[in-house]
Amino acid sequence: MLEVIPIPAFADNYIWLLRPIHAKICAIVDPGDAQPVFDVLNKQALQLKTILITHHHYDHTGGIGKILTQYPVTVFGPKHDPVKNLTQTLSENDKIDLPELQLSFRILEIPGHTLGHIAYYGHGMLFCGDTLFAAGCGRLFEGTPAQMYTTLQKIAALPDDTQIYCGHEYTEHNLRFASLIEPANDDIAKRLTTTLKLRDQGLPTLPSTIGLEKLTNPFLRTDLPSVRQAAEKYANKTLSSPIEVFATIRRWKDVF
């Protein structure tokens, strides 16, 4: 049995900690800040065994160097993203095995937010950094709309019960935008109600699932008439493909 613990960092980041329930060892994903990691390791008397990195942005990597001064562990990360302190680089369909932690992951290349962004997929879980968010997706800092659209379709093809562990607590804001795109979508309305209750209690809204994202995430619904019509109204022109719809609502979300 595996426990996944969210470690809040900065304003809205999550550093994910993975540990076997009956062991005092763990891995962490995307430590942008070292101190919150040290606090949890010390409080729970855990021994860090490895670090997993999804992409190069500082809020996901900034704590690596300091952590390594106390825990000189293996650091896995993307081959095609400029991340310092990696000890093993990864690309599409690579597999990593962490036998001490009873973990193994297949690597998916998911460009869009950054060109070299990767995700870790295994045990019914996807650690996808800043690519797919709950009810949203990452900004296109480096990739094109076509790249991100293709990436999201790749993720959407995973089993519906796949649990999604992304890098930020953006769910409420994303759902408010989704409500603007599809005001008649009852699934979005229900999810927003649930999200507000969780946030009022100071609780995370993650993980999500692929199935839930298909129902409520406009960036996975760009082939639907309701999303296309909203995008066309915003753009004031006809959009001929789901990629054009995606590009339009991504630009819209940038200024929402």
Protein backbone atom coordinates (compact mmCIF):
# COMPACT_ATOMS: atom_id res chain seq x y z
CA MET A 1 0.00 0.00 0.00
CA LEU A 2 1.21 3.46 -0.94
CA GLU A 3 0.51 6.81 0.68
CA VAL A 4 0.75 10.02 -1.35
CA ILE A 5 1.10 13.16 0.75
CA PRO A 6 0.80 16.72 -0.59
CA ILE A 7 3.42 19.10 0.79
CA PRO A 8 2.28 22.70 0.22
CA ALA A 9 4.95 25.11 -1.01
CA PHE A 10 4.97 28.78 -2.02
CA ALA A 11 1.48 30.19 -2.68
CA ASP A 12 -0.10 27.21 -4.41
CA ASN A 13 2.49 24.54 -5.30
CA TYR A 14 2.33 20.92 -4.24
CA ILE A 15 5.42 18.80 -3.70
CA TRP A 16 4.24 15.19 -3.69
CA LEU A 17 5.67 12.69 -1.23
CA LEU A 18 5.24 8.97 -1.91
CA ARG A 19 5.84 6.36 0.78
CA PRO A 20 4.97 2.74 1.43
CA ILE A 21 2.54 2.80 4.36
CA HIS A 22 4.56 0.33 6.43
CA ALA A 23 8.01 1.84 5.81
CA LYS A 24 9.85 4.99 6.78
CA ILE A 25 11.25 5.70 3.33
CA CYS A 26 9.91 7.96 0.59
CA ALA A 27 10.30 9.70 -2.75
CA ILE A 28 9.35 13.27 -3.59
CA VAL A 29 8.15 14.89 -6.80
CA ASP A 30 9.12 18.42 -7.87
CA PRO A 31 10.65 19.98 -4.74
CA GLY A 32 10.63 23.66 -5.57
CA ASP A 33 11.50 24.49 -1.97
CA ALA A 34 13.62 22.42 0.41
CA GLN A 35 12.34 23.54 3.80
CA PRO A 36 8.79 22.16 3.54
CA VAL A 37 10.33 18.82 2.54
CA PHE A 38 12.73 18.84 5.49
CA ASP A 39 9.85 19.70 7.82
CA VAL A 40 7.81 16.68 6.73
CA LEU A 41 10.77 14.29 6.66
CA ASN A 42 11.74 15.31 10.17
CA LYS A 43 8.22 15.29 11.57
CA GLN A 44 7.47 11.82 10.20
CA ALA A 45 11.02 10.45 10.65
CA LEU A 46 11.22 9.54 6.96
CA GLN A 47 14.33 8.76 4.94
CA LEU A 48 14.35 10.24 1.44
CA LYS A 49 15.40 7.76 -1.25
CA THR A 50 14.85 9.55 -4.57
CA ILE A 51 13.63 12.73 -6.25
CA LEU A 52 11.46 12.84 -9.39
CA ILE A 53 11.37 15.98 -11.53
CA THR A 54 8.84 16.77 -14.28
CA HIS A 55 10.23 19.99 -15.79
CA HIS A 56 12.77 22.73 -15.30
CA HIS A 57 10.78 25.61 -13.79
CA TYR A 58 12.28 26.88 -10.54
CA ASP A 59 9.15 26.36 -8.46
CA HIS A 60 9.56 22.63 -9.21
CA THR A 61 13.35 22.36 -8.97
CA GLY A 62 14.62 25.13 -6.69
CA GLY A 63 14.98 22.92 -3.63
CA ILE A 64 16.99 20.12 -5.21
CA GLY A 65 20.47 21.43 -4.44
CA LYS A 66 19.76 22.08 -0.76
CA ILE A 67 18.01 18.73 -0.33
CA LEU A 68 21.01 16.93 -1.81
CA THR A 69 23.29 18.40 0.84
CA GLN A 70 21.42 16.34 3.44
CA TYR A 71 20.13 13.47 1.29
CA PRO A 72 22.53 12.58 -1.56
CA VAL A 73 19.92 10.60 -3.50
CA THR A 74 19.25 9.80 -7.14
CA VAL A 75 17.47 12.58 -9.01
CA PHE A 76 15.44 11.55 -12.05
CA GLY A 77 14.28 14.12 -14.58
CA PRO A 78 13.61 15.03 -18.20
CA LYS A 79 16.30 14.47 -20.79
CA HIS A 80 15.18 17.40 -22.92
CA ASP A 81 14.60 20.04 -20.24
CA PRO A 82 17.50 22.00 -18.65
CA VAL A 83 17.39 20.74 -15.05
CA LYS A 84 20.49 20.92 -12.83
CA ASN A 85 21.57 18.14 -10.47
CA LEU A 86 19.95 15.27 -12.37
CA THR A 87 21.66 11.91 -11.99
CA GLN A 88 19.50 10.08 -14.51
CA THR A 89 17.69 11.61 -17.48
CA LEU A 90 14.47 10.16 -18.88
CA SER A 91 12.52 10.22 -22.11
CA GLU A 92 9.44 8.63 -23.68
CA ASN A 93 8.72 5.03 -22.58
CA ASP A 94 11.73 4.82 -20.28
CA LYS A 95 10.94 2.89 -17.12
CA ILE A 96 12.28 3.49 -13.64
CA ASP A 97 12.14 0.92 -10.89
CA LEU A 98 12.41 1.87 -7.23
CA PRO A 99 12.30 -1.51 -5.52
CA GLU A 100 12.86 -0.20 -1.99
CA LEU A 101 9.72 1.90 -2.41
CA GLN A 102 7.85 -0.80 -4.31
CA LEU A 103 7.39 1.69 -7.14
CA SER A 104 7.88 1.67 -10.88
CA PHE A 105 6.94 4.32 -13.42
CA ARG A 106 6.76 4.61 -17.18
CA ILE A 107 7.81 7.96 -18.59
CA LEU A 108 5.56 9.96 -20.89
CA GLU A 109 6.90 12.94 -22.79
CA ILE A 110 4.25 15.66 -22.51
CA PRO A 111 5.52 18.85 -24.22
CA GLY A 112 3.53 22.06 -24.19
CA HIS A 113 4.14 23.89 -20.92
CA THR A 114 7.85 23.30 -21.52
CA LEU A 115 9.35 21.46 -24.47
CA GLY A 116 10.96 18.70 -22.41
CA HIS A 117 8.23 18.18 -19.81
CA ILE A 118 7.69 14.56 -18.70
CA ALA A 119 5.19 12.70 -16.54
CA TYR A 120 5.56 9.63 -14.34
CA TYR A 121 2.85 7.00 -14.86
CA GLY A 122 2.36 3.91 -12.77
CA HIS A 123 0.24 2.24 -10.09
CA GLY A 124 -2.83 4.01 -11.48
CA MET A 125 -1.24 7.41 -10.87
CA LEU A 126 0.08 10.18 -13.11
CA PHE A 127 2.45 12.85 -11.80
CA CYS A 128 2.16 15.44 -14.54
CA GLY A 129 3.67 18.64 -13.15
CA ASP A 130 2.19 21.70 -14.85
CA THR A 131 0.73 20.07 -17.96
CA LEU A 132 -2.74 18.89 -16.95
CA PHE A 133 -4.36 20.62 -14.00
CA ALA A 134 -7.65 19.90 -12.30
CA ALA A 135 -10.13 21.47 -14.75
CA GLY A 136 -7.30 23.18 -16.63
CA CYS A 137 -3.91 22.93 -18.29
CA GLY A 138 -0.58 24.71 -18.12
CA ARG A 139 0.33 27.88 -19.93
CA LEU A 140 2.22 27.48 -23.20
CA PHE A 141 5.53 28.96 -22.12
CA GLU A 142 7.55 27.01 -24.70
CA GLY A 143 5.29 24.72 -26.71
CA THR A 144 2.67 25.34 -29.37
CA PRO A 145 -1.10 24.86 -29.09
CA ALA A 146 -0.80 21.81 -31.34
CA GLN A 147 1.83 20.27 -29.07
CA MET A 148 -0.23 20.81 -25.94
CA TYR A 149 -3.41 19.58 -27.59
CA THR A 150 -1.63 16.39 -28.65
CA THR A 151 -0.18 15.98 -25.17
CA LEU A 152 -3.59 16.34 -23.52
CA GLN A 153 -5.12 13.82 -25.90
CA LYS A 154 -2.33 11.43 -24.97
CA ILE A 155 -3.08 11.88 -21.28
CA ALA A 156 -6.84 11.58 -21.86
CA ALA A 157 -6.26 8.15 -23.42
CA LEU A 158 -5.12 6.77 -20.07
CA PRO A 159 -7.69 4.79 -18.04
CA ASP A 160 -10.49 6.91 -16.57
CA ASP A 161 -9.61 5.89 -13.01
CA THR A 162 -6.02 7.16 -13.32
CA GLN A 163 -5.35 9.54 -10.44
CA ILE A 164 -3.93 12.90 -11.48
CA TYR A 165 -1.33 14.55 -9.25
CA CYS A 166 -0.46 17.95 -10.68
CA GLY A 167 1.77 20.70 -9.40
CA HIS A 168 -0.59 23.46 -8.26
CA GLU A 169 -3.81 24.13 -6.38
CA TYR A 170 -5.58 25.90 -9.24
CA THR A 171 -8.86 23.98 -9.17
CA GLU A 172 -11.25 26.69 -8.01
CA HIS A 173 -10.00 29.28 -10.50
CA ASN A 174 -9.99 26.71 -13.30
CA LEU A 175 -13.55 25.63 -12.56
CA ARG A 176 -14.76 29.22 -12.60
CA PHE A 177 -13.32 29.52 -16.09
CA ALA A 178 -14.83 26.16 -17.08
CA SER A 179 -18.21 27.45 -15.86
CA LEU A 180 -17.85 30.40 -18.21
CA ILE A 181 -17.16 28.06 -21.13
CA GLU A 182 -19.97 25.61 -20.30
CA PRO A 183 -22.51 27.31 -17.99
CA ALA A 184 -25.00 24.45 -18.47
CA ASN A 185 -22.53 21.72 -17.44
CA ASP A 186 -23.89 20.23 -14.21
CA ASP A 187 -20.69 18.26 -13.59
CA ILE A 188 -18.70 21.49 -13.49
CA ALA A 189 -21.20 23.09 -11.10
CA LYS A 190 -21.14 20.10 -8.76
CA ARG A 191 -17.36 19.95 -8.82
CA LEU A 192 -17.08 23.65 -8.02
CA THR A 193 -19.36 23.19 -5.01
CA THR A 194 -17.22 20.31 -3.76
CA THR A 195 -14.04 22.28 -4.41
CA LEU A 196 -15.25 25.29 -2.42
CA LYS A 197 -16.09 23.07 0.55
CA LEU A 198 -12.62 21.50 0.48
CA ARG A 199 -10.85 24.83 0.21
CA ASP A 200 -12.93 26.30 3.02
CA GLN A 201 -11.49 23.52 5.18
CA GLY A 202 -7.97 24.15 3.92
CA LEU A 203 -7.90 20.78 2.15
CA PRO A 204 -6.39 19.98 -1.26
CA THR A 205 -8.69 19.33 -4.21
CA LEU A 206 -6.30 16.72 -5.61
CA PRO A 207 -5.89 14.10 -6.85
CA SER A 208 -8.32 14.28 -9.72
CA THR A 209 -9.02 11.48 -12.20
CA ILE A 210 -8.96 11.25 -15.97
CA GLY A 211 -12.68 10.47 -15.91
CA LEU A 212 -13.50 13.58 -13.91
CA GLU A 213 -11.33 15.72 -16.17
CA LYS A 214 -13.17 14.48 -19.25
CA LEU A 215 -16.41 15.70 -17.68
CA THR A 216 -15.24 19.07 -16.40
CA ASN A 217 -12.02 20.21 -18.06
CA PRO A 218 -12.68 22.39 -21.14
CA PHE A 219 -9.20 21.69 -22.50
CA LEU A 220 -10.13 18.01 -22.82
CA ARG A 221 -13.54 18.87 -24.33
CA THR A 222 -12.54 20.95 -27.35
CA ASP A 223 -14.30 18.54 -29.74
CA LEU A 224 -17.68 19.26 -28.15
CA PRO A 225 -20.14 21.75 -29.70
CA SER A 226 -20.64 23.58 -26.40
CA VAL A 227 -16.93 24.34 -26.03
CA ARG A 228 -16.47 25.18 -29.70
CA GLN A 229 -19.41 27.59 -29.65
CA ALA A 230 -18.04 29.40 -26.59
CA ALA A 231 -14.63 29.68 -28.22
CA GLU A 232 -16.10 30.96 -31.49
CA LYS A 233 -18.13 33.59 -29.66
CA TYR A 234 -15.01 34.76 -27.84
CA ALA A 235 -12.90 34.76 -31.02
CA ASN A 236 -15.73 36.18 -33.13
CA LYS A 237 -14.95 33.77 -35.94
CA THR A 238 -15.51 30.19 -37.06
CA LEU A 239 -13.00 27.68 -35.73
CA SER A 240 -12.43 24.67 -37.94
CA SER A 241 -10.64 22.19 -35.64
CA PRO A 242 -10.34 21.15 -32.00
CA ILE A 243 -6.77 22.49 -32.03
CA GLU A 244 -8.05 25.96 -32.99
CA VAL A 245 -10.67 25.70 -30.25
CA PHE A 246 -7.97 24.71 -27.78
CA ALA A 247 -5.70 27.58 -28.83
CA THR A 248 -8.55 30.05 -28.46
CA ILE A 249 -9.64 28.99 -24.99
CA ARG A 250 -6.01 28.79 -23.84
CA ARG A 251 -5.49 32.43 -24.90
CA TRP A 252 -8.80 33.29 -23.19
CA LYS A 253 -7.71 31.58 -19.99
CA ASP A 254 -4.44 33.55 -20.04
CA VAL A 255 -6.39 36.76 -19.47
CA PHE A 256 -9.20 35.35 -17.30
